Amino acid sequence: MGSGHDQQDQLIYKIEELRRRMTETALEEGFSSSKSVRMSQELDYLLNQIQEKNEA
């Protein structure tokens, strides 16, 4: 039980950190910059992972 919770905590931390970096990048380079879009796609992937884990 503890291991799964630790993995979810790490995933949440990654999501929060990526969201912060993505916002900074979007404000500096534009929301449609390739870097912003790539980070947004990675964030979507991580959010989908956590949703799947919560539904399991």
PDB file of N, CA and C in Angstrom:
ATOM      1  N   MET A   1       0.825  -1.197   0.000  1.00  0.00           N
ATOM      2  CA  MET A   1       0.000   0.000   0.000  1.00  0.00           C
ATOM      3  C   MET A   1       0.867   1.258   0.000  1.00  0.00           C
ATOM      4  N   GLY A   2       1.900   1.295   0.798  1.00  0.00           N
ATOM      5  CA  GLY A   2       2.750   2.465   0.890  1.00  0.00           C
ATOM      6  C   GLY A   2       3.446   2.783  -0.408  1.00  0.00           C
ATOM      7  N   SER A   3       3.863   1.754  -1.143  1.00  0.00           N
ATOM      8  CA  SER A   3       4.585   1.965  -2.393  1.00  0.00           C
ATOM      9  C   SER A   3       3.718   2.663  -3.435  1.00  0.00           C
ATOM     10  N   GLY A   4       2.473   2.223  -3.568  1.00  0.00           N
ATOM     11  CA  GLY A   4       1.568   2.851  -4.516  1.00  0.00           C
ATOM     12  C   GLY A   4       1.300   4.300  -4.172  1.00  0.00           C
ATOM     13  N   HIS A   5       1.177   4.561  -2.876  1.00  0.00           N
ATOM     14  CA  HIS A   5       0.944   5.938  -2.428  1.00  0.00           C
ATOM     15  C   HIS A   5       2.172   6.800  -2.721  1.00  0.00           C
ATOM     16  N   ASP A   6       3.366   6.243  -2.503  1.00  0.00           N
ATOM     17  CA  ASP A   6       4.594   6.979  -2.805  1.00  0.00           C
ATOM     18  C   ASP A   6       4.700   7.286  -4.292  1.00  0.00           C
ATOM     19  N   GLN A   7       4.336   6.308  -5.127  1.00  0.00           N
ATOM     20  CA  GLN A   7       4.372   6.522  -6.580  1.00  0.00           C
ATOM     21  C   GLN A   7       3.397   7.617  -6.985  1.00  0.00           C
ATOM     22  N   GLN A   8       2.215   7.623  -6.389  1.00  0.00           N
ATOM     23  CA  GLN A   8       1.231   8.649  -6.714  1.00  0.00           C
ATOM     24  C   GLN A   8       1.721  10.021  -6.252  1.00  0.00           C
ATOM     25  N   ASP A   9       2.337  10.075  -5.065  1.00  0.00           N
ATOM     26  CA  ASP A   9       2.897  11.339  -4.583  1.00  0.00           C
ATOM     27  C   ASP A   9       3.962  11.861  -5.540  1.00  0.00           C
ATOM     28  N   GLN A  10       4.812  10.963  -6.045  1.00  0.00           N
ATOM     29  CA  GLN A  10       5.851  11.367  -6.992  1.00  0.00           C
ATOM     30  C   GLN A  10       5.239  11.862  -8.293  1.00  0.00           C
ATOM     31  N   LEU A  11       4.185  11.200  -8.738  1.00  0.00           N
ATOM     32  CA  LEU A  11       3.507  11.597  -9.964  1.00  0.00           C
ATOM     33  C   LEU A  11       2.859  12.971  -9.790  1.00  0.00           C
ATOM     34  N   ILE A  12       2.238  13.202  -8.647  1.00  0.00           N
ATOM     35  CA  ILE A  12       1.621  14.507  -8.370  1.00  0.00           C
ATOM     36  C   ILE A  12       2.687  15.597  -8.334  1.00  0.00           C
ATOM     37  N   TYR A  13       3.829  15.301  -7.723  1.00  0.00           N
ATOM     38  CA  TYR A  13       4.925  16.277  -7.682  1.00  0.00           C
ATOM     39  C   TYR A  13       5.399  16.601  -9.096  1.00  0.00           C
ATOM     40  N   LYS A  14       5.564  15.557  -9.945  1.00  0.00           N
ATOM     41  CA  LYS A  14       5.991  15.767 -11.328  1.00  0.00           C
ATOM     42  C   LYS A  14       4.992  16.642 -12.067  1.00  0.00           C
ATOM     43  N   ILE A  15       3.706  16.381 -11.852  1.00  0.00           N
ATOM     44  CA  ILE A  15       2.651  17.153 -12.514  1.00  0.00           C
ATOM     45  C   ILE A  15       2.719  18.617 -12.087  1.00  0.00           C
ATOM     46  N   GLU A  16       2.844  18.853 -10.797  1.00  0.00           N
ATOM     47  CA  GLU A  16       2.898  20.236 -10.303  1.00  0.00           C
ATOM     48  C   GLU A  16       4.122  20.970 -10.823  1.00  0.00           C
ATOM     49  N   GLU A  17       5.260  20.289 -10.850  1.00  0.00           N
ATOM     50  CA  GLU A  17       6.496  20.900 -11.329  1.00  0.00           C
ATOM     51  C   GLU A  17       6.401  21.186 -12.837  1.00  0.00           C
ATOM     52  N   LEU A  18       5.889  20.240 -13.596  1.00  0.00           N
ATOM     53  CA  LEU A  18       5.749  20.435 -15.036  1.00  0.00           C
ATOM     54  C   LEU A  18       4.754  21.549 -15.336  1.00  0.00           C
ATOM     55  N   ARG A  19       3.673  21.618 -14.581  1.00  0.00           N
ATOM     56  CA  ARG A  19       2.684  22.687 -14.785  1.00  0.00           C
ATOM     57  C   ARG A  19       3.322  24.060 -14.540  1.00  0.00           C
ATOM     58  N   ARG A  20       4.135  24.150 -13.503  1.00  0.00           N
ATOM     59  CA  ARG A  20       4.825  25.416 -13.195  1.00  0.00           C
ATOM     60  C   ARG A  20       5.781  25.798 -14.327  1.00  0.00           C
ATOM     61  N   ARG A  21       6.579  24.823 -14.785  1.00  0.00           N
ATOM     62  CA  ARG A  21       7.536  25.084 -15.856  1.00  0.00           C
ATOM     63  C   ARG A  21       6.824  25.420 -17.170  1.00  0.00           C
ATOM     64  N   MET A  22       5.726  24.722 -17.434  1.00  0.00           N
ATOM     65  CA  MET A  22       4.980  24.968 -18.657  1.00  0.00           C
ATOM     66  C   MET A  22       4.405  26.388 -18.658  1.00  0.00           C
ATOM     67  N   THR A  23       3.884  26.827 -17.526  1.00  0.00           N
ATOM     68  CA  THR A  23       3.331  28.180 -17.425  1.00  0.00           C
ATOM     69  C   THR A  23       4.420  29.218 -17.674  1.00  0.00           C
ATOM     70  N   GLU A  24       5.583  29.032 -17.069  1.00  0.00           N
ATOM     71  CA  GLU A  24       6.700  29.960 -17.283  1.00  0.00           C
ATOM     72  C   GLU A  24       7.102  29.989 -18.756  1.00  0.00           C
ATOM     73  N   THR A  25       7.201  28.812 -19.357  1.00  0.00           N
ATOM     74  CA  THR A  25       7.590  28.716 -20.762  1.00  0.00           C
ATOM     75  C   THR A  25       6.561  29.393 -21.652  1.00  0.00           C
ATOM     76  N   ALA A  26       5.288  29.143 -21.387  1.00  0.00           N
ATOM     77  CA  ALA A  26       4.224  29.735 -22.201  1.00  0.00           C
ATOM     78  C   ALA A  26       4.247  31.261 -22.109  1.00  0.00           C
ATOM     79  N   LEU A  27       4.501  31.780 -20.925  1.00  0.00           N
ATOM     80  CA  LEU A  27       4.537  33.234 -20.759  1.00  0.00           C
ATOM     81  C   LEU A  27       5.759  33.840 -21.447  1.00  0.00           C
ATOM     82  N   GLU A  28       6.867  33.105 -21.466  1.00  0.00           N
ATOM     83  CA  GLU A  28       8.096  33.611 -22.085  1.00  0.00           C
ATOM     84  C   GLU A  28       8.114  33.408 -23.596  1.00  0.00           C
ATOM     85  N   GLU A  29       7.662  32.234 -24.061  1.00  0.00           N
ATOM     86  CA  GLU A  29       7.819  31.866 -25.471  1.00  0.00           C
ATOM     87  C   GLU A  29       6.510  31.858 -26.242  1.00  0.00           C
ATOM     88  N   GLY A  30       5.398  31.962 -25.533  1.00  0.00           N
ATOM     89  CA  GLY A  30       4.094  31.918 -26.178  1.00  0.00           C
ATOM     90  C   GLY A  30       3.432  30.573 -25.938  1.00  0.00           C
ATOM     91  N   PHE A  31       2.124  30.605 -25.860  1.00  0.00           N
ATOM     92  CA  PHE A  31       1.369  29.396 -25.554  1.00  0.00           C
ATOM     93  C   PHE A  31       1.415  28.372 -26.684  1.00  0.00           C
ATOM     94  N   SER A  32       1.639  28.832 -27.908  1.00  0.00           N
ATOM     95  CA  SER A  32       1.664  27.903 -29.034  1.00  0.00           C
ATOM     96  C   SER A  32       3.084  27.548 -29.474  1.00  0.00           C
ATOM     97  N   SER A  33       4.091  27.948 -28.687  1.00  0.00           N
ATOM     98  CA  SER A  33       5.461  27.565 -29.026  1.00  0.00           C
ATOM     99  C   SER A  33       5.599  26.051 -28.944  1.00  0.00           C
ATOM    100  N   SER A  34       6.508  25.502 -29.723  1.00  0.00           N
ATOM    101  CA  SER A  34       6.667  24.044 -29.752  1.00  0.00           C
ATOM    102  C   SER A  34       7.029  23.501 -28.374  1.00  0.00           C
ATOM    103  N   LYS A  35       7.809  24.243 -27.619  1.00  0.00           N
ATOM    104  CA  LYS A  35       8.194  23.797 -26.269  1.00  0.00           C
ATOM    105  C   LYS A  35       6.981  23.773 -25.339  1.00  0.00           C
ATOM    106  N   SER A  36       6.147  24.813 -25.413  1.00  0.00           N
ATOM    107  CA  SER A  36       4.934  24.860 -24.583  1.00  0.00           C
ATOM    108  C   SER A  36       3.987  23.722 -24.933  1.00  0.00           C
ATOM    109  N   VAL A  37       3.814  23.471 -26.222  1.00  0.00           N
ATOM    110  CA  VAL A  37       2.913  22.412 -26.676  1.00  0.00           C
ATOM    111  C   VAL A  37       3.434  21.053 -26.224  1.00  0.00           C
ATOM    112  N   ARG A  38       4.735  20.824 -26.364  1.00  0.00           N
ATOM    113  CA  ARG A  38       5.327  19.553 -25.944  1.00  0.00           C
ATOM    114  C   ARG A  38       5.136  19.326 -24.443  1.00  0.00           C
ATOM    115  N   MET A  39       5.343  20.377 -23.658  1.00  0.00           N
ATOM    116  CA  MET A  39       5.154  20.262 -22.208  1.00  0.00           C
ATOM    117  C   MET A  39       3.687  20.007 -21.873  1.00  0.00           C
ATOM    118  N   SER A  40       2.788  20.641 -22.605  1.00  0.00           N
ATOM    119  CA  SER A  40       1.357  20.432 -22.394  1.00  0.00           C
ATOM    120  C   SER A  40       0.968  18.989 -22.694  1.00  0.00           C
ATOM    121  N   GLN A  41       1.540  18.428 -23.750  1.00  0.00           N
ATOM    122  CA  GLN A  41       1.259  17.038 -24.095  1.00  0.00           C
ATOM    123  C   GLN A  41       1.786  16.088 -23.022  1.00  0.00           C
ATOM    124  N   GLU A  42       2.972  16.385 -22.503  1.00  0.00           N
ATOM    125  CA  GLU A  42       3.530  15.559 -21.427  1.00  0.00           C
ATOM    126  C   GLU A  42       2.658  15.663 -20.174  1.00  0.00           C
ATOM    127  N   LEU A  43       2.183  16.866 -19.891  1.00  0.00           N
ATOM    128  CA  LEU A  43       1.306  17.066 -18.744  1.00  0.00           C
ATOM    129  C   LEU A  43      -0.002  16.282 -18.921  1.00  0.00           C
ATOM    130  N   ASP A  44      -0.564  16.308 -20.117  1.00  0.00           N
ATOM    131  CA  ASP A  44      -1.776  15.525 -20.397  1.00  0.00           C
ATOM    132  C   ASP A  44      -1.524  14.043 -20.130  1.00  0.00           C
ATOM    133  N   TYR A  45      -0.381  13.552 -20.590  1.00  0.00           N
ATOM    134  CA  TYR A  45      -0.033  12.142 -20.388  1.00  0.00           C
ATOM    135  C   TYR A  45       0.028  11.803 -18.899  1.00  0.00           C
ATOM    136  N   LEU A  46       0.697  12.650 -18.119  1.00  0.00           N
ATOM    137  CA  LEU A  46       0.822  12.396 -16.682  1.00  0.00           C
ATOM    138  C   LEU A  46      -0.534  12.471 -15.990  1.00  0.00           C
ATOM    139  N   LEU A  47      -1.362  13.427 -16.388  1.00  0.00           N
ATOM    140  CA  LEU A  47      -2.694  13.545 -15.794  1.00  0.00           C
ATOM    141  C   LEU A  47      -3.548  12.321 -16.121  1.00  0.00           C
ATOM    142  N   ASN A  48      -3.415  11.812 -17.348  1.00  0.00           N
ATOM    143  CA  ASN A  48      -4.139  10.591 -17.717  1.00  0.00           C
ATOM    144  C   ASN A  48      -3.660   9.412 -16.902  1.00  0.00           C
ATOM    145  N   GLN A  49      -2.362   9.333 -16.649  1.00  0.00           N
ATOM    146  CA  GLN A  49      -1.833   8.243 -15.831  1.00  0.00           C
ATOM    147  C   GLN A  49      -2.418   8.255 -14.421  1.00  0.00           C
ATOM    148  N   ILE A  50      -2.459   9.421 -13.824  1.00  0.00           N
ATOM    149  CA  ILE A  50      -2.969   9.502 -12.455  1.00  0.00           C
ATOM    150  C   ILE A  50      -4.461   9.208 -12.427  1.00  0.00           C
ATOM    151  N   GLN A  51      -5.174   9.624 -13.458  1.00  0.00           N
ATOM    152  CA  GLN A  51      -6.620   9.327 -13.528  1.00  0.00           C
ATOM    153  C   GLN A  51      -6.844   7.824 -13.656  1.00  0.00           C
ATOM    154  N   GLU A  52      -6.048   7.165 -14.481  1.00  0.00           N
ATOM    155  CA  GLU A  52      -6.168   5.715 -14.634  1.00  0.00           C
ATOM    156  C   GLU A  52      -5.889   4.998 -13.320  1.00  0.00           C
ATOM    157  N   LYS A  53      -4.888   5.459 -12.586  1.00  0.00           N
ATOM    158  CA  LYS A  53      -4.542   4.833 -11.300  1.00  0.00           C
ATOM    159  C   LYS A  53      -5.676   5.031 -10.293  1.00  0.00           C
ATOM    160  N   ASN A  54      -6.321   6.182 -10.332  1.00  0.00           N
ATOM    161  CA  ASN A  54      -7.422   6.460  -9.399  1.00  0.00           C
ATOM    162  C   ASN A  54      -8.666   5.660  -9.746  1.00  0.00           C
ATOM    163  N   GLU A  55      -8.827   5.308 -11.012  1.00  0.00           N
ATOM    164  CA  GLU A  55      -9.993   4.530 -11.424  1.00  0.00           C
ATOM    165  C   GLU A  55      -9.798   3.040 -11.207  1.00  0.00           C
ATOM    166  N   ALA A  56      -8.545   2.616 -11.042  1.00  0.00           N
ATOM    167  CA  ALA A  56      -8.240   1.177 -10.864  1.00  0.00           C
ATOM    168  C   ALA A  56      -8.608   0.692  -9.474  1.00  0.00           C
TER     169      ALA A  56
END
